[in-house]
């Protein structure tokens, strides 16, 4: 590789780092995973106990946003994002967990159930999905913790 090519690549790397300041430092961490799971468990509990449809759906939307992270498929800023600043999303930060491979199937099930829950048409449907999400995330918290 020529000196000119190395300089050009270095300049491009610097430009990317300046344009996206957190990108180079954003690595999945166990702490981020744990904090997001804890927050998602709390909001799944809020959803399953909500008395009205909008509250139940919004809190389950919070959970889905915590699961997928801001850059994930299905993220909806309109629901709010209680995991903002805690990490990159549970599924992303799970990579830092030593038992990541063991948690993958459960996390997939949680994500699928949360997606179906926010699409439910009744408060009972949302709350039932939230109860399942809460139970599965509690398993993740216990097993992962």
C-alpha atoms as a PDB file:
ATOM      1  CA  UNK A   1       0.000   0.000   0.000  1.00  0.00           C
ATOM      2  CA  UNK A   2       1.434   3.352  -0.981  1.00  0.00           C
ATOM      3  CA  UNK A   3       2.031   6.177   1.465  1.00  0.00           C
ATOM      4  CA  UNK A   4      -0.574   8.283  -0.333  1.00  0.00           C
ATOM      5  CA  UNK A   5      -3.190   5.513   0.033  1.00  0.00           C
ATOM      6  CA  UNK A   6      -2.413   5.170   3.758  1.00  0.00           C
ATOM      7  CA  UNK A   7      -2.821   8.925   4.243  1.00  0.00           C
ATOM      8  CA  UNK A   8      -6.085   8.897   2.331  1.00  0.00           C
ATOM      9  CA  UNK A   9      -7.440   5.997   4.432  1.00  0.00           C
ATOM     10  CA  UNK A  10      -6.349   7.725   7.640  1.00  0.00           C
ATOM     11  CA  UNK A  11      -8.081  10.916   6.561  1.00  0.00           C
ATOM     12  CA  UNK A  12     -11.259   8.993   5.728  1.00  0.00           C
ATOM     13  CA  UNK A  13     -11.186   7.288   9.117  1.00  0.00           C
ATOM     14  CA  UNK A  14     -10.784  10.631  10.845  1.00  0.00           C
ATOM     15  CA  UNK A  15     -13.636  12.113   8.810  1.00  0.00           C
ATOM     16  CA  UNK A  16     -15.932   9.234   9.769  1.00  0.00           C
ATOM     17  CA  UNK A  17     -14.943   9.485  13.438  1.00  0.00           C
ATOM     18  CA  UNK A  18     -15.678  13.227  13.415  1.00  0.00           C
ATOM     19  CA  UNK A  19     -18.989  12.776  11.618  1.00  0.00           C
ATOM     20  CA  UNK A  20     -20.115   9.965  13.956  1.00  0.00           C
ATOM     21  CA  UNK A  21     -18.317  10.604  17.254  1.00  0.00           C
ATOM     22  CA  UNK A  22     -19.726   7.616  19.150  1.00  0.00           C
ATOM     23  CA  UNK A  23     -19.363   5.109  16.328  1.00  0.00           C
ATOM     24  CA  UNK A  24     -15.771   4.128  17.002  1.00  0.00           C
ATOM     25  CA  UNK A  25     -16.393   3.750  20.733  1.00  0.00           C
ATOM     26  CA  UNK A  26     -19.802   2.080  20.628  1.00  0.00           C
ATOM     27  CA  UNK A  27     -19.061  -1.501  21.584  1.00  0.00           C
ATOM     28  CA  UNK A  28     -21.592  -3.839  23.160  1.00  0.00           C
ATOM     29  CA  UNK A  29     -21.090  -4.168  26.910  1.00  0.00           C
ATOM     30  CA  UNK A  30     -22.470  -6.455  29.564  1.00  0.00           C
ATOM     31  CA  UNK A  31     -23.427  -3.444  31.680  1.00  0.00           C
ATOM     32  CA  UNK A  32     -25.442  -1.956  28.807  1.00  0.00           C
ATOM     33  CA  UNK A  33     -27.174  -5.288  28.274  1.00  0.00           C
ATOM     34  CA  UNK A  34     -28.111  -5.611  31.956  1.00  0.00           C
ATOM     35  CA  UNK A  35     -29.366  -2.007  32.221  1.00  0.00           C
ATOM     36  CA  UNK A  36     -31.564  -2.355  29.143  1.00  0.00           C
ATOM     37  CA  UNK A  37     -33.002  -5.701  30.234  1.00  0.00           C
ATOM     38  CA  UNK A  38     -33.864  -4.210  33.638  1.00  0.00           C
ATOM     39  CA  UNK A  39     -35.595  -1.232  31.997  1.00  0.00           C
ATOM     40  CA  UNK A  40     -37.454  -3.450  29.523  1.00  0.00           C
ATOM     41  CA  UNK A  41     -38.686  -5.750  32.326  1.00  0.00           C
ATOM     42  CA  UNK A  42     -40.028  -2.701  34.152  1.00  0.00           C
ATOM     43  CA  UNK A  43     -41.887  -1.388  31.082  1.00  0.00           C
ATOM     44  CA  UNK A  44     -43.263  -4.832  30.224  1.00  0.00           C
ATOM     45  CA  UNK A  45     -44.697  -4.837  33.740  1.00  0.00           C
ATOM     46  CA  UNK A  46     -46.233  -1.402  33.169  1.00  0.00           C
ATOM     47  CA  UNK A  47     -47.779  -2.668  29.931  1.00  0.00           C
ATOM     48  CA  UNK A  48     -49.273  -5.837  31.390  1.00  0.00           C
ATOM     49  CA  UNK A  49     -50.859  -3.813  34.217  1.00  0.00           C
ATOM     50  CA  UNK A  50     -52.136  -0.934  32.073  1.00  0.00           C
ATOM     51  CA  UNK A  51     -55.870  -0.405  32.109  1.00  0.00           C
ATOM     52  CA  UNK A  52     -56.167   1.305  28.743  1.00  0.00           C
ATOM     53  CA  UNK A  53     -55.072   0.293  25.262  1.00  0.00           C
ATOM     54  CA  UNK A  54     -52.807   3.275  24.533  1.00  0.00           C
ATOM     55  CA  UNK A  55     -50.851   2.929  27.777  1.00  0.00           C
ATOM     56  CA  UNK A  56     -50.426  -0.799  27.329  1.00  0.00           C
ATOM     57  CA  UNK A  57     -49.284  -0.384  23.726  1.00  0.00           C
ATOM     58  CA  UNK A  58     -46.948   2.549  24.476  1.00  0.00           C
ATOM     59  CA  UNK A  59     -45.151   0.669  27.275  1.00  0.00           C
ATOM     60  CA  UNK A  60     -44.811  -2.438  25.125  1.00  0.00           C
ATOM     61  CA  UNK A  61     -43.466  -0.134  22.395  1.00  0.00           C
ATOM     62  CA  UNK A  62     -40.888   1.066  24.935  1.00  0.00           C
ATOM     63  CA  UNK A  63     -39.862  -2.558  25.414  1.00  0.00           C
ATOM     64  CA  UNK A  64     -39.567  -3.161  21.674  1.00  0.00           C
ATOM     65  CA  UNK A  65     -37.423  -0.034  21.333  1.00  0.00           C
ATOM     66  CA  UNK A  66     -35.151  -1.288  24.142  1.00  0.00           C
ATOM     67  CA  UNK A  67     -34.875  -4.662  22.423  1.00  0.00           C
ATOM     68  CA  UNK A  68     -33.991  -3.450  18.930  1.00  0.00           C
ATOM     69  CA  UNK A  69     -32.202  -0.178  19.756  1.00  0.00           C
ATOM     70  CA  UNK A  70     -32.406   3.077  17.826  1.00  0.00           C
ATOM     71  CA  UNK A  71     -30.864   1.583  14.694  1.00  0.00           C
ATOM     72  CA  UNK A  72     -32.902  -1.601  14.812  1.00  0.00           C
ATOM     73  CA  UNK A  73     -35.791  -2.735  12.663  1.00  0.00           C
ATOM     74  CA  UNK A  74     -39.093  -1.731  14.211  1.00  0.00           C
ATOM     75  CA  UNK A  75     -37.741   1.114  16.334  1.00  0.00           C
ATOM     76  CA  UNK A  76     -40.435   3.783  16.689  1.00  0.00           C
ATOM     77  CA  UNK A  77     -39.370   7.055  18.300  1.00  0.00           C
ATOM     78  CA  UNK A  78     -43.052   7.947  18.702  1.00  0.00           C
ATOM     79  CA  UNK A  79     -43.342   5.441  21.548  1.00  0.00           C
ATOM     80  CA  UNK A  80     -40.437   6.954  23.456  1.00  0.00           C
ATOM     81  CA  UNK A  81     -37.176   5.285  24.304  1.00  0.00           C
ATOM     82  CA  UNK A  82     -36.539   4.651  28.008  1.00  0.00           C
ATOM     83  CA  UNK A  83     -33.299   2.816  27.131  1.00  0.00           C
ATOM     84  CA  UNK A  84     -31.871   5.867  25.361  1.00  0.00           C
ATOM     85  CA  UNK A  85     -28.274   6.272  26.456  1.00  0.00           C
ATOM     86  CA  UNK A  86     -28.135   2.844  28.116  1.00  0.00           C
ATOM     87  CA  UNK A  87     -26.816   0.923  25.122  1.00  0.00           C
ATOM     88  CA  UNK A  88     -27.388  -0.016  21.509  1.00  0.00           C
ATOM     89  CA  UNK A  89     -30.357  -2.324  22.080  1.00  0.00           C
ATOM     90  CA  UNK A  90     -30.670  -5.585  23.963  1.00  0.00           C
ATOM     91  CA  UNK A  91     -30.122  -7.751  20.884  1.00  0.00           C
ATOM     92  CA  UNK A  92     -26.957  -5.826  19.964  1.00  0.00           C
ATOM     93  CA  UNK A  93     -25.508  -5.616  23.467  1.00  0.00           C
ATOM     94  CA  UNK A  94     -26.276  -9.292  24.113  1.00  0.00           C
ATOM     95  CA  UNK A  95     -23.172 -10.007  22.035  1.00  0.00           C
ATOM     96  CA  UNK A  96     -21.098  -8.927  25.040  1.00  0.00           C
ATOM     97  CA  UNK A  97     -22.802 -11.471  27.293  1.00  0.00           C
ATOM     98  CA  UNK A  98     -20.753 -14.609  27.963  1.00  0.00           C
ATOM     99  CA  UNK A  99     -23.871 -16.754  27.476  1.00  0.00           C
ATOM    100  CA  UNK A 100     -24.988 -14.957  24.308  1.00  0.00           C
ATOM    101  CA  UNK A 101     -25.494 -18.168  22.345  1.00  0.00           C
ATOM    102  CA  UNK A 102     -27.702 -19.581  25.103  1.00  0.00           C
ATOM    103  CA  UNK A 103     -29.852 -16.432  25.240  1.00  0.00           C
ATOM    104  CA  UNK A 104     -30.370 -16.014  21.487  1.00  0.00           C
ATOM    105  CA  UNK A 105     -33.519 -18.144  21.183  1.00  0.00           C
ATOM    106  CA  UNK A 106     -35.183 -16.457  24.160  1.00  0.00           C
ATOM    107  CA  UNK A 107     -34.309 -12.982  22.876  1.00  0.00           C
ATOM    108  CA  UNK A 108     -35.747 -13.854  19.457  1.00  0.00           C
ATOM    109  CA  UNK A 109     -38.970 -15.006  21.129  1.00  0.00           C
ATOM    110  CA  UNK A 110     -39.136 -11.809  23.210  1.00  0.00           C
ATOM    111  CA  UNK A 111     -38.698  -9.633  20.136  1.00  0.00           C
ATOM    112  CA  UNK A 112     -41.319 -11.551  18.148  1.00  0.00           C
ATOM    113  CA  UNK A 113     -43.850 -11.433  20.979  1.00  0.00           C
ATOM    114  CA  UNK A 114     -43.260  -7.702  21.558  1.00  0.00           C
ATOM    115  CA  UNK A 115     -43.747  -7.000  17.833  1.00  0.00           C
ATOM    116  CA  UNK A 116     -46.995  -8.968  17.798  1.00  0.00           C
ATOM    117  CA  UNK A 117     -48.143  -7.265  20.990  1.00  0.00           C
ATOM    118  CA  UNK A 118     -47.769  -3.728  19.663  1.00  0.00           C
ATOM    119  CA  UNK A 119     -49.844  -4.804  16.645  1.00  0.00           C
ATOM    120  CA  UNK A 120     -52.631  -6.280  18.798  1.00  0.00           C
ATOM    121  CA  UNK A 121     -56.019  -4.643  18.417  1.00  0.00           C
ATOM    122  CA  UNK A 122     -57.293  -4.985  21.983  1.00  0.00           C
ATOM    123  CA  UNK A 123     -55.949  -4.045  25.382  1.00  0.00           C
ATOM    124  CA  UNK A 124     -56.240  -7.712  26.359  1.00  0.00           C
ATOM    125  CA  UNK A 125     -54.067  -8.735  23.416  1.00  0.00           C
ATOM    126  CA  UNK A 126     -51.403  -6.175  24.253  1.00  0.00           C
ATOM    127  CA  UNK A 127     -51.459  -7.072  27.939  1.00  0.00           C
ATOM    128  CA  UNK A 128     -51.211 -10.800  27.219  1.00  0.00           C
ATOM    129  CA  UNK A 129     -48.195 -10.240  24.978  1.00  0.00           C
ATOM    130  CA  UNK A 130     -46.673  -7.948  27.613  1.00  0.00           C
ATOM    131  CA  UNK A 131     -47.107 -10.662  30.257  1.00  0.00           C
ATOM    132  CA  UNK A 132     -45.239 -13.112  28.044  1.00  0.00           C
ATOM    133  CA  UNK A 133     -42.524 -10.570  27.273  1.00  0.00           C
ATOM    134  CA  UNK A 134     -42.186  -9.785  30.984  1.00  0.00           C
ATOM    135  CA  UNK A 135     -41.837 -13.476  31.839  1.00  0.00           C
ATOM    136  CA  UNK A 136     -39.248 -14.140  29.128  1.00  0.00           C
ATOM    137  CA  UNK A 137     -37.228 -11.019  29.944  1.00  0.00           C
ATOM    138  CA  UNK A 138     -37.291 -12.022  33.618  1.00  0.00           C
ATOM    139  CA  UNK A 139     -35.731 -15.336  32.590  1.00  0.00           C
ATOM    140  CA  UNK A 140     -33.079 -13.444  30.631  1.00  0.00           C
ATOM    141  CA  UNK A 141     -32.413 -11.167  33.636  1.00  0.00           C
ATOM    142  CA  UNK A 142     -32.159 -14.111  36.016  1.00  0.00           C
ATOM    143  CA  UNK A 143     -30.131 -16.325  33.716  1.00  0.00           C
ATOM    144  CA  UNK A 144     -28.028 -13.499  32.415  1.00  0.00           C
ATOM    145  CA  UNK A 145     -27.444 -11.830  35.744  1.00  0.00           C
END
